[in-house]
C-alpha atoms as a PDB file:
ATOM      1  CA  UNK A   1     108.226 100.816   6.196  1.00  0.00           C
ATOM      2  CA  UNK A   2     111.512  98.783   6.862  1.00  0.00           C
ATOM      3  CA  UNK A   3     114.135 101.375   8.388  1.00  0.00           C
ATOM      4  CA  UNK A   4     118.146  99.359   8.757  1.00  0.00           C
ATOM      5  CA  UNK A   5     115.486  96.397   8.159  1.00  0.00           C
ATOM      6  CA  UNK A   6     113.249  97.485  11.608  1.00  0.00           C
ATOM      7  CA  UNK A   7     109.502  97.840  11.114  1.00  0.00           C
ATOM      8  CA  UNK A   8     108.720 101.732  12.278  1.00  0.00           C
ATOM      9  CA  UNK A   9     105.864 101.702  14.094  1.00  0.00           C
ATOM     10  CA  UNK A  10     105.512 105.466  12.958  1.00  0.00           C
ATOM     11  CA  UNK A  11     105.826 106.687   9.394  1.00  0.00           C
ATOM     12  CA  UNK A  12     105.853 110.366   7.374  1.00  0.00           C
ATOM     13  CA  UNK A  13     104.037 111.590   4.728  1.00  0.00           C
ATOM     14  CA  UNK A  14     106.441 112.031   1.212  1.00  0.00           C
ATOM     15  CA  UNK A  15     105.133 116.152  -0.261  1.00  0.00           C
ATOM     16  CA  UNK A  16     104.994 114.463  -3.429  1.00  0.00           C
ATOM     17  CA  UNK A  17     106.190 111.402  -5.101  1.00  0.00           C
ATOM     18  CA  UNK A  18     106.340 112.169  -8.353  1.00  0.00           C
ATOM     19  CA  UNK A  19     106.967 109.326 -11.374  1.00  0.00           C
ATOM     20  CA  UNK A  20     106.173 106.825  -8.373  1.00  0.00           C
ATOM     21  CA  UNK A  21     109.819 107.265  -7.814  1.00  0.00           C
ATOM     22  CA  UNK A  22     110.693 110.697  -6.930  1.00  0.00           C
ATOM     23  CA  UNK A  23     110.544 111.955  -3.658  1.00  0.00           C
ATOM     24  CA  UNK A  24     110.429 115.384  -3.210  1.00  0.00           C
ATOM     25  CA  UNK A  25     109.572 117.301  -0.078  1.00  0.00           C
ATOM     26  CA  UNK A  26     109.054 121.222   0.138  1.00  0.00           C
ATOM     27  CA  UNK A  27     110.420 124.004   2.735  1.00  0.00           C
ATOM     28  CA  UNK A  28     109.607 127.124   3.163  1.00  0.00           C
ATOM     29  CA  UNK A  29     112.490 129.024   4.908  1.00  0.00           C
ATOM     30  CA  UNK A  30     115.329 131.785   4.894  1.00  0.00           C
ATOM     31  CA  UNK A  31     117.933 129.107   4.920  1.00  0.00           C
ATOM     32  CA  UNK A  32     117.839 125.522   3.516  1.00  0.00           C
ATOM     33  CA  UNK A  33     120.252 123.370   6.540  1.00  0.00           C
ATOM     34  CA  UNK A  34     122.494 120.583   6.203  1.00  0.00           C
ATOM     35  CA  UNK A  35     119.548 118.930   8.943  1.00  0.00           C
ATOM     36  CA  UNK A  36     117.043 118.496   5.854  1.00  0.00           C
ATOM     37  CA  UNK A  37     119.314 116.710   3.184  1.00  0.00           C
ATOM     38  CA  UNK A  38     119.879 114.659   6.324  1.00  0.00           C
ATOM     39  CA  UNK A  39     115.752 114.055   6.126  1.00  0.00           C
ATOM     40  CA  UNK A  40     115.041 113.690   2.792  1.00  0.00           C
ATOM     41  CA  UNK A  41     118.382 110.734   3.132  1.00  0.00           C
ATOM     42  CA  UNK A  42     116.295 109.211   5.826  1.00  0.00           C
ATOM     43  CA  UNK A  43     113.672 109.559   3.510  1.00  0.00           C
ATOM     44  CA  UNK A  44     114.444 107.528   1.181  1.00  0.00           C
ATOM     45  CA  UNK A  45     116.151 105.252   2.781  1.00  0.00           C
ATOM     46  CA  UNK A  46     113.180 103.795   4.339  1.00  0.00           C
ATOM     47  CA  UNK A  47     111.251 104.152   1.258  1.00  0.00           C
ATOM     48  CA  UNK A  48     113.269 102.778  -0.982  1.00  0.00           C
ATOM     49  CA  UNK A  49     113.751 105.137  -2.862  1.00  0.00           C
ATOM     50  CA  UNK A  50     115.885 106.073  -4.617  1.00  0.00           C
ATOM     51  CA  UNK A  51     115.144 110.319  -6.191  1.00  0.00           C
ATOM     52  CA  UNK A  52     114.653 113.057  -3.861  1.00  0.00           C
ATOM     53  CA  UNK A  53     113.594 116.562  -4.122  1.00  0.00           C
ATOM     54  CA  UNK A  54     114.311 119.504  -1.852  1.00  0.00           C
ATOM     55  CA  UNK A  55     113.396 122.520  -2.134  1.00  0.00           C
ATOM     56  CA  UNK A  56     113.004 125.482  -0.568  1.00  0.00           C
ATOM     57  CA  UNK A  57     110.334 128.458  -1.721  1.00  0.00           C
ATOM     58  CA  UNK A  58     110.964 130.798   1.545  1.00  0.00           C
ATOM     59  CA  UNK A  59     114.613 132.250   0.674  1.00  0.00           C
ATOM     60  CA  UNK A  60     114.888 135.301  -1.681  1.00  0.00           C
ATOM     61  CA  UNK A  61     114.980 133.215  -4.225  1.00  0.00           C
ATOM     62  CA  UNK A  62     114.232 129.260  -5.445  1.00  0.00           C
ATOM     63  CA  UNK A  63     116.437 126.900  -3.715  1.00  0.00           C
ATOM     64  CA  UNK A  64     116.664 123.709  -4.864  1.00  0.00           C
ATOM     65  CA  UNK A  65     118.862 120.374  -4.295  1.00  0.00           C
ATOM     66  CA  UNK A  66     118.102 116.984  -5.899  1.00  0.00           C
ATOM     67  CA  UNK A  67     119.822 114.088  -3.540  1.00  0.00           C
ATOM     68  CA  UNK A  68     120.721 110.523  -4.371  1.00  0.00           C
ATOM     69  CA  UNK A  69     120.839 107.579  -2.668  1.00  0.00           C
END
């Protein structure tokens, strides 16, 4: 896997990949801070996927954010 043209020493495993191109990241926290969105953006750039979905089940209601590169 490459990131900014450089091979990565480490790798991550997405929570889910749907339809061979939508990265899904699941969280269970009381709030969804901006750094979670940044995390999904980095994952998208590293994998080459264009669409990400960040889903949080830990808040008072379901929270979700669609992230597109």
